[in-house]
Amino acid sequence: MSTETSSPNGRNSAFPETFVPLSGSAQDCADCARGTRVGFSFDYAYQPIVDLARKTVFAHEALVRGPNGEGAASVLAQVNDFNRYSFDQACRVKAIKGAKELGIQEPISINFLPNAIYKPEVCIRTTLEAARVHGFPLDHIIFEVTEGERIEDGPWFASILREYKRCGFKTAIDDFGAGYAGLKLLADFQPDLVKIDMDLIRGVDANPARQAIVRSLVSLCREMSITLIAEGVETPSERDFLFDQGIELMQGYLFARPAFRAIAAVDPGTYR
């Protein structure tokens, strides 16, 4: 899932305090899984995040797709201010349910829409219930938000991430270095994981400016006890440079493309 369609008008533009969308019951989870509260169908592909140091899969990112594997854009084009909350909730349930049915043992990373949340302690109930129903450990769920999301209230957004962390979930900032929040977001909240934007990764092995930025991020995140993930890795040269800088977690076509309703196989030779 992506946050490209999120509204810039603030978190309560479509969801006033008097609106209680879901009760957090098992029936609500079932409705979300079927998409009956969203108004359109969608599904998931899963792409592995690999751990090069251990030569294993660290986690799988759940990537929204159309019901027949269509690209994410075909789904996100149907999201608006009236179904944004339901879509965000349905994504969480469907990603967890799908991972369980596939037998995924590693953590899963789920993108979420911060502008679809009006009260984090209320909006998290459906996820907690889905994890309970499907027997998926809370510490195996990573909530990922893109840095490109335009967040008008930084402290409020940080409070969402803190609430998720308090519940036992892991947190991640995606596309770091490409969006609006940048270092200010890290000042407000320190996530478990930061994913370096793929535009900074592309050709990093031959680009001194990108190399300097990556080295700075490695140093910064190490000091803040944040684990770095390099996303969009496509060549062995990119992989080798990043690994030599101390980045052990990577994601990209070099290792595996997203697999629709399936677990993608990683070629052992790509671990280095």
Protein backbone atom coordinates (compact mmCIF):
# COMPACT_ATOMS: atom_id res chain seq x y z
CA MET A 1 0.00 0.00 0.00
CA SER A 2 1.12 3.55 -0.59
CA THR A 3 0.17 6.84 1.00
CA GLU A 4 0.08 8.75 -2.29
CA THR A 5 -3.67 9.26 -2.10
CA SER A 6 -3.77 10.53 1.46
CA SER A 7 -5.60 13.78 2.02
CA PRO A 8 -3.49 16.83 2.89
CA ASN A 9 -6.40 18.36 4.79
CA GLY A 10 -5.58 16.85 8.16
CA ARG A 11 -6.50 13.79 10.12
CA ASN A 12 -10.12 14.60 10.94
CA SER A 13 -11.34 15.99 7.61
CA ALA A 14 -13.53 12.93 6.92
CA PHE A 15 -13.71 11.36 10.36
CA PRO A 16 -15.05 13.68 13.09
CA GLU A 17 -14.75 12.69 16.73
CA THR A 18 -18.40 11.65 16.85
CA PHE A 19 -17.89 9.05 14.12
CA VAL A 20 -17.13 5.54 15.42
CA PRO A 21 -16.31 3.47 12.32
CA LEU A 22 -15.54 0.06 13.85
CA SER A 23 -16.12 -1.62 17.18
CA GLY A 24 -13.10 -3.89 16.91
CA SER A 25 -15.23 -7.05 16.92
CA ALA A 26 -14.44 -10.27 15.07
CA GLN A 27 -17.35 -9.54 12.72
CA ASP A 28 -15.79 -6.20 11.82
CA CYS A 29 -12.56 -8.00 10.98
CA ALA A 30 -14.48 -10.41 8.75
CA ASP A 31 -16.21 -7.53 6.98
CA CYS A 32 -12.91 -5.80 6.36
CA ALA A 33 -11.33 -8.99 5.04
CA ARG A 34 -14.15 -9.34 2.51
CA GLY A 35 -13.92 -5.68 1.57
CA THR A 36 -17.62 -5.09 2.28
CA ARG A 37 -16.86 -1.85 4.13
CA VAL A 38 -14.57 -0.55 1.38
CA GLY A 39 -16.70 -0.99 -1.72
CA PHE A 40 -14.05 -2.60 -3.94
CA SER A 41 -11.87 -5.70 -3.92
CA PHE A 42 -8.11 -5.91 -3.49
CA ASP A 43 -5.45 -8.39 -2.46
CA TYR A 44 -1.76 -8.58 -1.59
CA ALA A 45 1.63 -9.48 -2.96
CA TYR A 46 4.49 -10.14 -0.56
CA GLN A 47 8.11 -9.12 -1.12
CA PRO A 48 10.90 -10.35 1.15
CA ILE A 49 13.32 -8.14 3.07
CA VAL A 50 16.54 -10.13 3.35
CA ASP A 51 19.16 -10.26 6.08
CA LEU A 52 22.50 -10.58 4.30
CA ALA A 53 24.51 -11.17 7.47
CA ARG A 54 22.40 -14.21 8.37
CA LYS A 55 21.52 -15.16 4.78
CA THR A 56 17.84 -15.44 5.57
CA VAL A 57 14.56 -13.56 5.17
CA PHE A 58 14.05 -10.88 7.81
CA ALA A 59 10.46 -9.93 6.94
CA HIS A 60 7.93 -9.67 4.11
CA GLU A 61 6.40 -6.38 2.97
CA ALA A 62 2.69 -6.64 2.14
CA LEU A 63 2.05 -4.72 -1.10
CA VAL A 64 -1.52 -3.97 -2.13
CA ARG A 65 -2.68 -5.30 -5.50
CA GLY A 66 -5.91 -5.59 -7.44
CA PRO A 67 -7.99 -8.78 -7.05
CA ASN A 68 -6.26 -10.31 -10.08
CA GLY A 69 -2.80 -8.99 -9.34
CA GLU A 70 -3.24 -5.56 -10.91
CA GLY A 71 -0.83 -2.82 -9.84
CA ALA A 72 -1.30 -0.80 -6.67
CA ALA A 73 -2.33 2.30 -8.61
CA SER A 74 -5.54 0.61 -9.78
CA VAL A 75 -6.53 0.09 -6.15
CA LEU A 76 -5.35 3.38 -4.70
CA ALA A 77 -7.24 5.31 -7.36
CA GLN A 78 -10.45 4.12 -5.68
CA VAL A 79 -9.51 5.44 -2.24
CA ASN A 80 -11.14 8.73 -1.23
CA ASP A 81 -12.06 10.70 1.88
CA PHE A 82 -15.17 8.59 2.40
CA ASN A 83 -13.63 5.12 2.32
CA ARG A 84 -10.07 5.93 3.47
CA TYR A 85 -10.61 4.72 7.04
CA SER A 86 -12.28 1.48 5.98
CA PHE A 87 -9.59 0.83 3.38
CA ASP A 88 -6.80 1.37 5.92
CA GLN A 89 -8.48 -0.99 8.37
CA ALA A 90 -9.21 -3.60 5.68
CA CYS A 91 -5.59 -3.51 4.54
CA ARG A 92 -4.36 -4.45 7.99
CA VAL A 93 -6.77 -7.35 8.37
CA LYS A 94 -6.23 -8.72 4.87
CA ALA A 95 -2.43 -8.52 5.09
CA ILE A 96 -2.38 -10.41 8.40
CA LYS A 97 -4.92 -12.99 7.23
CA GLY A 98 -3.06 -13.53 3.95
CA ALA A 99 0.30 -13.95 5.67
CA LYS A 100 -1.15 -16.51 8.05
CA GLU A 101 -2.78 -18.49 5.24
CA LEU A 102 0.52 -18.55 3.33
CA GLY A 103 2.32 -19.83 6.39
CA ILE A 104 4.66 -16.84 6.67
CA GLN A 105 6.71 -17.23 9.85
CA GLU A 106 8.70 -14.02 9.59
CA PRO A 107 7.37 -10.54 10.43
CA ILE A 108 5.21 -8.72 7.90
CA SER A 109 5.43 -5.02 7.12
CA ILE A 110 2.11 -3.24 6.51
CA ASN A 111 1.82 0.27 5.12
CA PHE A 112 -0.77 2.45 6.82
CA LEU A 113 -2.48 5.78 6.17
CA PRO A 114 -1.85 8.17 9.09
CA ASN A 115 -4.43 10.61 7.76
CA ALA A 116 -7.07 7.87 8.08
CA ILE A 117 -6.55 7.71 11.85
CA TYR A 118 -8.52 9.91 14.19
CA LYS A 119 -7.68 8.19 17.51
CA PRO A 120 -4.79 5.70 17.53
CA GLU A 121 -6.02 3.82 20.60
CA VAL A 122 -9.38 3.22 18.88
CA CYS A 123 -8.15 2.64 15.34
CA ILE A 124 -5.71 -0.05 16.45
CA ARG A 125 -8.45 -2.33 17.83
CA THR A 126 -9.21 -4.02 14.53
CA THR A 127 -5.54 -4.87 14.02
CA LEU A 128 -5.24 -6.30 17.53
CA GLU A 129 -8.32 -8.42 16.93
CA ALA A 130 -7.08 -9.64 13.55
CA ALA A 131 -3.75 -10.64 15.09
CA ARG A 132 -5.60 -12.53 17.84
CA VAL A 133 -8.02 -14.28 15.47
CA HIS A 134 -5.26 -15.42 13.11
CA GLY A 135 -2.69 -16.16 15.81
CA PHE A 136 -0.12 -13.70 14.45
CA PRO A 137 2.35 -12.35 17.06
CA LEU A 138 2.14 -8.59 17.59
CA ASP A 139 5.91 -8.21 17.50
CA HIS A 140 5.82 -9.79 14.02
CA ILE A 141 3.78 -6.88 12.65
CA ILE A 142 5.65 -3.81 11.39
CA PHE A 143 3.66 -0.66 10.69
CA GLU A 144 5.33 1.26 7.89
CA VAL A 145 4.57 4.83 6.81
CA THR A 146 6.19 6.67 3.96
CA GLU A 147 8.18 9.79 4.74
CA GLY A 148 6.53 11.29 1.68
CA GLU A 149 3.23 11.43 3.56
CA ARG A 150 2.41 15.08 4.21
CA ILE A 151 1.85 15.25 7.95
CA GLU A 152 0.62 18.62 9.18
CA ASP A 153 0.75 17.73 12.88
CA GLY A 154 4.12 16.09 13.57
CA PRO A 155 3.66 15.57 17.34
CA TRP A 156 0.24 13.98 16.76
CA PHE A 157 1.72 11.67 14.14
CA ALA A 158 4.50 10.73 16.55
CA SER A 159 1.84 9.89 19.13
CA ILE A 160 0.33 7.36 16.69
CA LEU A 161 3.65 5.60 16.29
CA ARG A 162 4.25 5.63 20.05
CA GLU A 163 0.84 4.04 20.64
CA TYR A 164 1.60 1.31 18.10
CA LYS A 165 4.94 0.66 19.73
CA ARG A 166 3.27 0.54 23.16
CA CYS A 167 0.91 -2.16 21.87
CA GLY A 168 3.87 -4.31 20.87
CA PHE A 169 4.08 -3.56 17.13
CA LYS A 170 7.28 -2.56 15.34
CA THR A 171 7.39 0.74 13.45
CA ALA A 172 9.17 1.84 10.28
CA ILE A 173 9.57 4.96 8.15
CA ASP A 174 9.59 4.17 4.43
CA ASP A 175 11.16 6.15 1.56
CA PHE A 176 13.39 8.07 3.95
CA GLY A 177 15.14 10.92 2.17
CA ALA A 178 12.43 11.52 -0.42
CA GLY A 179 9.59 13.27 1.38
CA TYR A 180 8.40 16.07 3.59
CA ALA A 181 9.28 14.98 7.09
CA GLY A 182 12.97 14.15 7.01
CA LEU A 183 15.07 14.60 10.10
CA LYS A 184 12.30 16.43 11.97
CA LEU A 185 10.27 13.23 12.02
CA LEU A 186 13.19 11.39 13.61
CA ALA A 187 13.46 14.15 16.20
CA ASP A 188 9.81 13.60 17.19
CA PHE A 189 9.94 9.81 17.15
CA GLN A 190 12.56 7.12 16.73
CA PRO A 191 11.11 4.10 14.87
CA ASP A 192 12.52 0.61 15.00
CA LEU A 193 13.39 0.72 11.29
CA VAL A 194 14.16 3.29 8.60
CA LYS A 195 14.03 2.34 4.92
CA ILE A 196 16.32 4.39 2.68
CA ASP A 197 14.51 5.62 -0.41
CA MET A 198 15.35 3.69 -3.57
CA ASP A 199 16.31 6.88 -5.44
CA LEU A 200 19.24 7.24 -3.04
CA ILE A 201 20.16 3.58 -3.54
CA ARG A 202 20.11 3.62 -7.35
CA GLY A 203 23.70 3.56 -8.56
CA VAL A 204 25.03 4.35 -5.09
CA ASP A 205 28.15 2.27 -5.75
CA ALA A 206 29.30 4.83 -8.35
CA ASN A 207 27.86 8.09 -6.97
CA PRO A 208 30.00 9.88 -4.33
CA ALA A 209 27.19 12.22 -3.25
CA ARG A 210 24.77 9.34 -2.59
CA GLN A 211 27.53 7.45 -0.85
CA ALA A 212 28.10 10.38 1.52
CA ILE A 213 24.38 10.54 2.34
CA VAL A 214 24.18 6.81 2.99
CA ARG A 215 27.23 6.92 5.26
CA SER A 216 25.67 9.78 7.21
CA LEU A 217 22.40 7.86 7.60
CA VAL A 218 24.25 4.77 8.80
CA SER A 219 26.04 6.83 11.44
CA LEU A 220 22.89 8.70 12.49
CA CYS A 221 20.73 5.58 12.81
CA ARG A 222 23.42 3.66 14.64
CA GLU A 223 23.62 6.46 17.23
CA MET A 224 19.81 6.45 17.59
CA SER A 225 19.57 2.62 17.76
CA ILE A 226 17.51 2.47 14.56
CA THR A 227 17.96 -0.39 12.09
CA LEU A 228 18.43 0.63 8.45
CA ILE A 229 16.90 -1.14 5.45
CA ALA A 230 18.02 -0.36 1.90
CA GLU A 231 15.11 -0.70 -0.51
CA GLY A 232 15.14 -0.92 -4.26
CA VAL A 233 18.44 -2.80 -4.48
CA GLU A 234 18.81 -4.07 -8.03
CA THR A 235 22.50 -4.81 -8.66
CA PRO A 236 25.24 -6.76 -6.89
CA SER A 237 27.39 -3.60 -6.88
CA GLU A 238 24.73 -1.66 -4.98
CA ARG A 239 24.34 -4.56 -2.55
CA ASP A 240 28.07 -4.84 -1.93
CA PHE A 241 28.58 -1.13 -1.27
CA LEU A 242 25.65 -1.01 1.15
CA PHE A 243 26.75 -4.12 2.99
CA ASP A 244 30.27 -2.75 3.32
CA GLN A 245 28.78 0.33 5.01
CA GLY A 246 27.10 -1.88 7.61
CA ILE A 247 23.59 -2.16 6.14
CA GLU A 248 22.55 -5.80 6.51
CA LEU A 249 18.83 -5.60 5.67
CA MET A 250 17.88 -5.06 2.02
CA GLN A 251 14.89 -5.31 -0.28
CA GLY A 252 14.67 -5.19 -4.05
CA TYR A 253 14.45 -6.99 -7.38
CA LEU A 254 17.99 -8.34 -6.99
CA PHE A 255 16.67 -10.69 -4.31
CA ALA A 256 13.03 -11.23 -5.30
CA ARG A 257 10.09 -9.50 -6.94
CA PRO A 258 6.77 -9.31 -5.09
CA ALA A 259 4.78 -12.56 -5.32
CA PHE A 260 1.01 -12.24 -5.68
CA ARG A 261 -0.76 -14.29 -2.99
CA ALA A 262 2.47 -16.22 -2.51
CA ILE A 263 5.82 -16.26 -0.74
CA ALA A 264 8.58 -15.07 -3.06
CA ALA A 265 11.61 -17.35 -3.34
CA VAL A 266 15.00 -15.72 -2.75
CA ASP A 267 17.91 -17.02 -4.84
CA PRO A 268 20.57 -18.00 -2.26
CA GLY A 269 23.24 -16.70 -4.62
CA THR A 270 21.98 -13.12 -4.21
CA TYR A 271 22.84 -13.04 -0.51
CA ARG A 272 26.50 -12.44 -1.53
